[in-house]
Amino acid sequence: MSDVPTVSVVVPTCGRPHDLAECLDAIERLDPRPLEVIVVDSAPRDTKTRELAAQRGVRYVSEVRAGAARARNRGAQAARGDIVAFTDDDAVPEPGWLAALLPEFDDPRVALVTGFVAPPRAEEDTKDAALAELYELSGFTGLGSERIVLDRDTPDWFPRANFRPFGIAPNLAIRRSALERWEGFDVRLGPGTPVPGHEEQRAFHELIELGYRIVYQPAARVVHPSSPRTPAALQRRALLRMQASSAYLMLLLCEEPRHRREVFAHMFGKLRPANGAEHNPVPLARWRRIAARLSGLLLYFRARAGSRSS
């Protein structure tokens, strides 16, 4: 792009006006400032979010059907900016968030850019091996400090986009013109659906299949102060992510037959302990891990009953 693109920031929310207020505070400190901020009220039960949006002077959109993916799609449909940047209502973008994301869109093939999502109290908590791995299992860490670019010319793009950390929804931006070719986030996946995650990986996969390029830019930072902070809460989140991962593997097996060899390779690699012994510093019983994986396979078939339309 020769000119600086305009940006719409979309914030899905569901009954958390206090968290949303803190997120909007952070968005007001962004430099550059976005063209607009759109708050998407997911399955609203009262008028508190509408009232807060009016007080802050941001656009309010209601999505009557539950699900974070539906809310993001609804916000993208309403957006007027060249770039649609997404964050969550309990996330706090750093002031330079957009400044780090936007230069990546100078490449016309780039459709999506993600950034680093910092866990709460990361510096202290991740010194503990068990908590550090729980944070990684919960989706907060593992992204690394190196910029990553993936497209169909990347030899191992499929496992890197689908199975390795590349970014999550509280820190993600998409070129609006790409949204005209892409169906949007898969509404069968993510918070508020039977499969509580992996809508981001599905987006990465589908955009690459369409011929686009995606980028992980670690300088674009968002923090998540309302995320789980106790070992018990992190354990619950980690188990949910295991369920979601198994459901996503089943989705790929059923719906991406060209990539079944790579899916099976990933599955068998997970089953094979490193160095002949299971690496398990996290206080999660083996039977709980197995139960989460198996129950996750069934979640996919529940999700198939859902509609892909947004």
Protein backbone atom coordinates (compact mmCIF):
# COMPACT_ATOMS: atom_id res chain seq x y z
CA MET A 1 0.00 0.00 0.00
CA SER A 2 1.31 3.46 -0.89
CA ASP A 3 -1.00 5.24 1.55
CA VAL A 4 -1.45 4.51 5.24
CA PRO A 5 -4.46 2.16 5.48
CA THR A 6 -7.43 2.99 7.64
CA VAL A 7 -8.21 0.62 10.50
CA SER A 8 -11.42 -0.56 12.11
CA VAL A 9 -10.91 -2.12 15.55
CA VAL A 10 -13.53 -4.77 16.35
CA VAL A 11 -14.13 -5.84 19.96
CA PRO A 12 -16.53 -8.77 20.50
CA THR A 13 -18.00 -8.82 24.00
CA CYS A 14 -20.45 -10.87 26.02
CA GLY A 15 -21.75 -9.44 29.28
CA ARG A 16 -18.46 -8.00 30.61
CA PRO A 17 -18.85 -4.21 30.65
CA HIS A 18 -16.09 -3.69 33.25
CA ASP A 19 -13.53 -5.58 31.16
CA LEU A 20 -14.77 -3.86 28.02
CA ALA A 21 -14.28 -0.43 29.61
CA GLU A 22 -10.61 -1.24 30.34
CA CYS A 23 -10.14 -2.48 26.76
CA LEU A 24 -11.66 0.72 25.36
CA ASP A 25 -9.38 2.75 27.61
CA ALA A 26 -6.40 1.02 26.00
CA ILE A 27 -7.76 1.54 22.48
CA GLU A 28 -8.04 5.28 23.18
CA ARG A 29 -4.27 5.31 23.79
CA LEU A 30 -3.41 3.70 20.43
CA ASP A 31 -1.02 5.53 18.12
CA PRO A 32 -2.03 5.73 15.33
CA ARG A 33 -5.69 6.05 16.23
CA PRO A 34 -8.12 3.78 14.36
CA LEU A 35 -10.73 5.10 11.96
CA GLU A 36 -13.44 3.56 14.15
CA VAL A 37 -14.03 1.18 17.05
CA ILE A 38 -16.86 -1.34 16.74
CA VAL A 39 -18.18 -3.13 19.82
CA VAL A 40 -20.08 -6.30 18.91
CA ASP A 41 -22.50 -7.38 21.63
CA SER A 42 -22.75 -11.17 21.41
CA ALA A 43 -26.16 -12.59 22.41
CA PRO A 44 -26.93 -9.52 24.57
CA ARG A 45 -28.94 -10.06 27.75
CA ASP A 46 -29.19 -6.43 28.84
CA THR A 47 -28.43 -2.90 27.63
CA LYS A 48 -25.22 -2.29 29.62
CA THR A 49 -22.89 -2.79 26.66
CA ARG A 50 -25.00 -0.56 24.39
CA GLU A 51 -24.97 2.15 27.06
CA LEU A 52 -21.20 1.89 27.53
CA ALA A 53 -20.61 2.13 23.77
CA ALA A 54 -22.78 5.25 23.63
CA GLN A 55 -20.87 6.81 26.54
CA ARG A 56 -17.52 6.14 24.83
CA GLY A 57 -18.66 7.28 21.38
CA VAL A 58 -17.90 3.95 19.66
CA ARG A 59 -20.07 2.05 17.21
CA TYR A 60 -22.37 -0.58 18.68
CA VAL A 61 -23.45 -3.68 16.77
CA SER A 62 -25.60 -6.50 18.12
CA GLU A 63 -25.19 -10.15 17.12
CA VAL A 64 -28.15 -12.10 18.48
CA ARG A 65 -26.53 -15.52 18.00
CA ALA A 66 -23.88 -16.63 20.48
CA GLY A 67 -20.28 -17.34 19.54
CA ALA A 68 -17.11 -15.26 19.29
CA ALA A 69 -16.62 -16.22 15.63
CA ARG A 70 -20.08 -14.95 14.71
CA ALA A 71 -19.37 -11.72 16.59
CA ARG A 72 -16.10 -11.19 14.74
CA ASN A 73 -17.77 -11.86 11.40
CA ARG A 74 -20.55 -9.43 12.26
CA GLY A 75 -18.01 -6.76 13.19
CA ALA A 76 -16.06 -7.33 9.97
CA GLN A 77 -19.22 -6.91 7.92
CA ALA A 78 -19.87 -3.55 9.59
CA ALA A 79 -16.26 -2.32 9.30
CA ARG A 80 -15.31 0.51 6.95
CA GLY A 81 -11.52 0.44 7.36
CA ASP A 82 -9.02 -1.05 4.93
CA ILE A 83 -7.78 -3.26 7.77
CA VAL A 84 -9.99 -4.92 10.40
CA ALA A 85 -8.11 -5.45 13.67
CA PHE A 86 -9.61 -7.72 16.31
CA THR A 87 -9.06 -7.82 20.04
CA ASP A 88 -11.08 -9.24 22.95
CA ASP A 89 -13.02 -7.37 25.60
CA ASP A 90 -10.66 -8.62 28.33
CA ALA A 91 -7.50 -7.76 26.38
CA VAL A 92 -5.39 -4.59 26.56
CA PRO A 93 -3.55 -3.61 23.37
CA GLU A 94 -0.30 -1.74 23.93
CA PRO A 95 -0.15 1.81 22.47
CA GLY A 96 2.05 0.73 19.53
CA TRP A 97 -0.12 -2.26 18.60
CA LEU A 98 -1.43 -0.90 15.28
CA ALA A 99 1.89 0.76 14.44
CA ALA A 100 3.53 -2.69 14.52
CA LEU A 101 0.75 -4.47 12.61
CA LEU A 102 0.13 -2.05 9.74
CA PRO A 103 3.52 -2.10 7.92
CA GLU A 104 3.06 -5.82 7.23
CA PHE A 105 0.13 -4.96 4.95
CA ASP A 106 2.47 -3.07 2.60
CA ASP A 107 2.87 -6.50 1.00
CA PRO A 108 -0.31 -6.90 -1.11
CA ARG A 109 -0.27 -10.68 -0.64
CA VAL A 110 -0.57 -10.38 3.14
CA ALA A 111 -4.15 -11.00 4.26
CA LEU A 112 -3.67 -11.55 7.99
CA VAL A 113 -1.22 -10.43 10.67
CA THR A 114 -1.05 -11.67 14.26
CA GLY A 115 1.05 -10.54 17.18
CA PHE A 116 2.23 -11.50 20.65
CA VAL A 117 -0.33 -12.05 23.42
CA ALA A 118 1.36 -11.69 26.80
CA PRO A 119 0.11 -13.84 29.67
CA PRO A 120 -0.70 -12.22 33.01
CA ARG A 121 2.25 -11.83 35.35
CA ALA A 122 4.37 -13.52 32.68
CA GLU A 123 7.73 -12.47 34.06
CA GLU A 124 7.09 -14.00 37.49
CA ASP A 125 4.87 -16.97 36.67
CA THR A 126 6.81 -18.38 33.73
CA LYS A 127 9.88 -18.89 35.93
CA ASP A 128 7.99 -21.88 37.37
CA ALA A 129 8.27 -24.83 34.95
CA ALA A 130 4.79 -26.21 35.65
CA LEU A 131 3.07 -22.83 35.35
CA ALA A 132 5.10 -21.99 32.26
CA GLU A 133 3.89 -25.10 30.47
CA LEU A 134 0.32 -24.49 31.64
CA TYR A 135 0.49 -21.00 30.13
CA GLU A 136 1.68 -22.53 26.86
CA LEU A 137 -1.03 -25.20 26.92
CA SER A 138 -3.55 -22.44 27.61
CA GLY A 139 -2.50 -20.56 24.47
CA PHE A 140 -0.70 -17.58 26.00
CA THR A 141 2.95 -18.31 25.27
CA GLY A 142 5.05 -20.29 22.84
CA LEU A 143 4.79 -17.70 20.08
CA GLY A 144 8.41 -16.61 20.28
CA SER A 145 10.21 -13.40 19.37
CA GLU A 146 10.94 -14.06 15.68
CA ARG A 147 8.81 -12.74 12.82
CA ILE A 148 7.22 -15.57 10.81
CA VAL A 149 5.76 -15.50 7.29
CA LEU A 150 3.72 -18.37 5.87
CA ASP A 151 2.22 -18.95 2.44
CA ARG A 152 1.74 -21.87 0.05
CA ASP A 153 5.42 -21.68 -0.94
CA THR A 154 6.48 -22.41 2.64
CA PRO A 155 7.32 -26.16 2.62
CA ASP A 156 5.83 -26.90 6.05
CA TRP A 157 3.06 -24.29 6.03
CA PHE A 158 0.31 -26.78 6.90
CA PRO A 159 1.64 -27.98 10.28
CA ARG A 160 2.93 -24.53 11.15
CA ALA A 161 -0.44 -22.88 10.49
CA ASN A 162 -2.57 -25.61 12.05
CA PHE A 163 -0.54 -27.12 14.89
CA ARG A 164 2.08 -24.65 16.11
CA PRO A 165 1.65 -21.32 17.91
CA PHE A 166 1.10 -18.54 15.40
CA GLY A 167 -1.32 -16.16 17.09
CA ILE A 168 -4.72 -15.95 18.77
CA ALA A 169 -7.84 -13.84 18.35
CA PRO A 170 -7.12 -11.05 20.87
CA ASN A 171 -4.32 -9.89 18.54
CA LEU A 172 -5.20 -10.37 14.91
CA ALA A 173 -5.80 -8.12 11.87
CA ILE A 174 -7.21 -8.94 8.43
CA ARG A 175 -7.21 -7.02 5.14
CA ARG A 176 -10.83 -6.13 4.41
CA SER A 177 -10.51 -6.95 0.71
CA ALA A 178 -9.55 -10.52 1.70
CA LEU A 179 -12.81 -10.76 3.63
CA GLU A 180 -14.63 -10.38 0.32
CA ARG A 181 -13.12 -13.70 -0.88
CA TRP A 182 -13.01 -15.56 2.42
CA GLU A 183 -16.10 -16.93 4.19
CA GLY A 184 -14.99 -15.56 7.55
CA PHE A 185 -14.30 -17.25 10.86
CA ASP A 186 -15.82 -20.73 11.06
CA VAL A 187 -18.81 -20.28 13.35
CA ARG A 188 -18.61 -23.93 14.43
CA LEU A 189 -15.40 -23.14 16.31
CA GLY A 190 -14.36 -20.89 19.16
CA PRO A 191 -15.83 -19.63 22.44
CA GLY A 192 -19.59 -20.04 22.60
CA THR A 193 -19.60 -23.21 20.44
CA PRO A 194 -19.15 -26.95 21.18
CA VAL A 195 -15.50 -26.61 20.07
CA PRO A 196 -14.05 -23.85 22.29
CA GLY A 197 -11.10 -22.88 20.12
CA HIS A 198 -9.08 -23.20 16.90
CA GLU A 199 -11.12 -20.73 14.87
CA GLU A 200 -7.85 -18.85 14.37
CA GLN A 201 -6.01 -21.89 12.98
CA ARG A 202 -8.89 -22.51 10.61
CA ALA A 203 -8.61 -18.93 9.40
CA PHE A 204 -4.84 -19.28 8.88
CA HIS A 205 -5.34 -22.48 6.89
CA GLU A 206 -8.14 -21.17 4.69
CA LEU A 207 -6.45 -17.87 3.85
CA ILE A 208 -3.24 -19.63 2.84
CA GLU A 209 -5.26 -22.04 0.69
CA LEU A 210 -6.76 -18.99 -1.05
CA GLY A 211 -3.24 -17.91 -2.02
CA TYR A 212 -2.67 -15.28 0.65
CA ARG A 213 0.29 -14.79 2.96
CA ILE A 214 0.00 -14.55 6.78
CA VAL A 215 2.49 -12.96 9.17
CA TYR A 216 3.32 -13.24 12.86
CA GLN A 217 4.78 -9.92 14.04
CA PRO A 218 5.96 -10.18 17.69
CA ALA A 219 6.33 -6.41 18.06
CA ALA A 220 2.54 -6.07 17.96
CA ARG A 221 1.68 -6.75 21.59
CA VAL A 222 -1.54 -7.26 23.54
CA VAL A 223 -1.78 -8.24 27.21
CA HIS A 224 -4.51 -10.33 28.78
CA PRO A 225 -4.94 -9.18 32.40
CA SER A 226 -8.22 -11.02 32.98
CA SER A 227 -6.89 -14.41 31.94
CA PRO A 228 -6.63 -17.33 34.44
CA ARG A 229 -3.98 -16.73 37.08
CA THR A 230 -4.23 -19.77 39.37
CA PRO A 231 -2.94 -23.27 38.58
CA ALA A 232 -6.48 -24.69 38.90
CA ALA A 233 -7.91 -22.16 36.42
CA LEU A 234 -5.04 -22.74 34.01
CA GLN A 235 -5.57 -26.50 34.27
CA ARG A 236 -9.23 -26.11 33.31
CA ARG A 237 -8.30 -23.91 30.38
CA ALA A 238 -5.58 -26.31 29.26
CA LEU A 239 -8.01 -29.25 29.31
CA LEU A 240 -10.53 -27.27 27.25
CA ARG A 241 -7.82 -26.53 24.71
CA MET A 242 -6.96 -30.23 24.54
CA GLN A 243 -10.59 -30.99 23.79
CA ALA A 244 -10.69 -28.29 21.14
CA SER A 245 -7.45 -29.56 19.58
CA SER A 246 -8.83 -33.08 19.22
CA ALA A 247 -12.03 -31.75 17.69
CA TYR A 248 -10.00 -29.70 15.23
CA LEU A 249 -7.93 -32.73 14.25
CA MET A 250 -11.15 -34.60 13.49
CA LEU A 251 -12.35 -31.65 11.41
CA LEU A 252 -9.16 -31.71 9.37
CA LEU A 253 -9.35 -35.48 8.88
CA CYS A 254 -12.94 -35.27 7.65
CA GLU A 255 -12.81 -32.04 5.67
CA GLU A 256 -9.23 -31.78 4.39
CA PRO A 257 -8.53 -35.17 2.75
CA ARG A 258 -5.48 -33.80 0.88
CA HIS A 259 -3.74 -33.20 4.20
CA ARG A 260 -4.60 -36.41 6.04
CA ARG A 261 -1.03 -37.68 5.89
CA GLU A 262 0.17 -34.54 7.69
CA VAL A 263 -2.64 -34.75 10.25
CA PHE A 264 -1.82 -38.37 11.07
CA ALA A 265 1.88 -37.50 11.32
CA HIS A 266 1.03 -34.82 13.88
CA MET A 267 -1.26 -37.17 15.84
CA PHE A 268 1.32 -39.94 16.04
CA GLY A 269 4.01 -37.45 16.97
CA LYS A 270 1.90 -36.34 19.93
CA LEU A 271 1.46 -39.93 21.05
CA ARG A 272 5.19 -40.66 20.90
CA PRO A 273 6.92 -39.42 24.10
CA ALA A 274 10.16 -37.54 23.63
CA ASN A 275 13.33 -39.45 24.53
CA GLY A 276 11.26 -42.50 25.45
CA ALA A 277 9.54 -40.88 28.43
CA GLU A 278 6.48 -38.69 28.73
CA HIS A 279 7.30 -35.04 29.37
CA ASN A 280 4.73 -34.04 31.98
CA PRO A 281 5.85 -31.39 34.47
CA VAL A 282 2.33 -29.94 34.44
CA PRO A 283 0.09 -31.14 37.29
CA LEU A 284 -2.44 -32.74 34.98
CA ALA A 285 -3.17 -36.41 35.52
CA ARG A 286 -2.58 -38.59 32.48
CA TRP A 287 -6.16 -39.91 32.59
CA ARG A 288 -7.50 -36.34 32.48
CA ARG A 289 -5.42 -35.60 29.40
CA ILE A 290 -6.64 -38.78 27.68
CA ALA A 291 -10.27 -38.10 28.62
CA ALA A 292 -10.03 -34.56 27.28
CA ARG A 293 -8.55 -35.76 23.99
CA LEU A 294 -11.18 -38.46 23.51
CA SER A 295 -14.14 -36.26 24.42
CA GLY A 296 -12.82 -33.65 22.03
CA LEU A 297 -13.24 -36.03 19.10
CA LEU A 298 -16.97 -36.14 19.80
CA LEU A 299 -17.23 -32.36 19.91
CA TYR A 300 -16.52 -32.13 16.20
CA PHE A 301 -19.62 -34.14 15.36
CA ARG A 302 -21.70 -31.86 17.59
CA ALA A 303 -20.24 -28.87 15.80
CA ARG A 304 -21.11 -30.29 12.38
CA ALA A 305 -24.76 -29.69 13.18
CA GLY A 306 -24.03 -25.96 13.35
CA SER A 307 -24.33 -23.65 10.38
CA ARG A 308 -21.29 -22.20 8.59
CA SER A 309 -23.25 -19.12 7.60
CA SER A 310 -22.45 -15.89 9.44
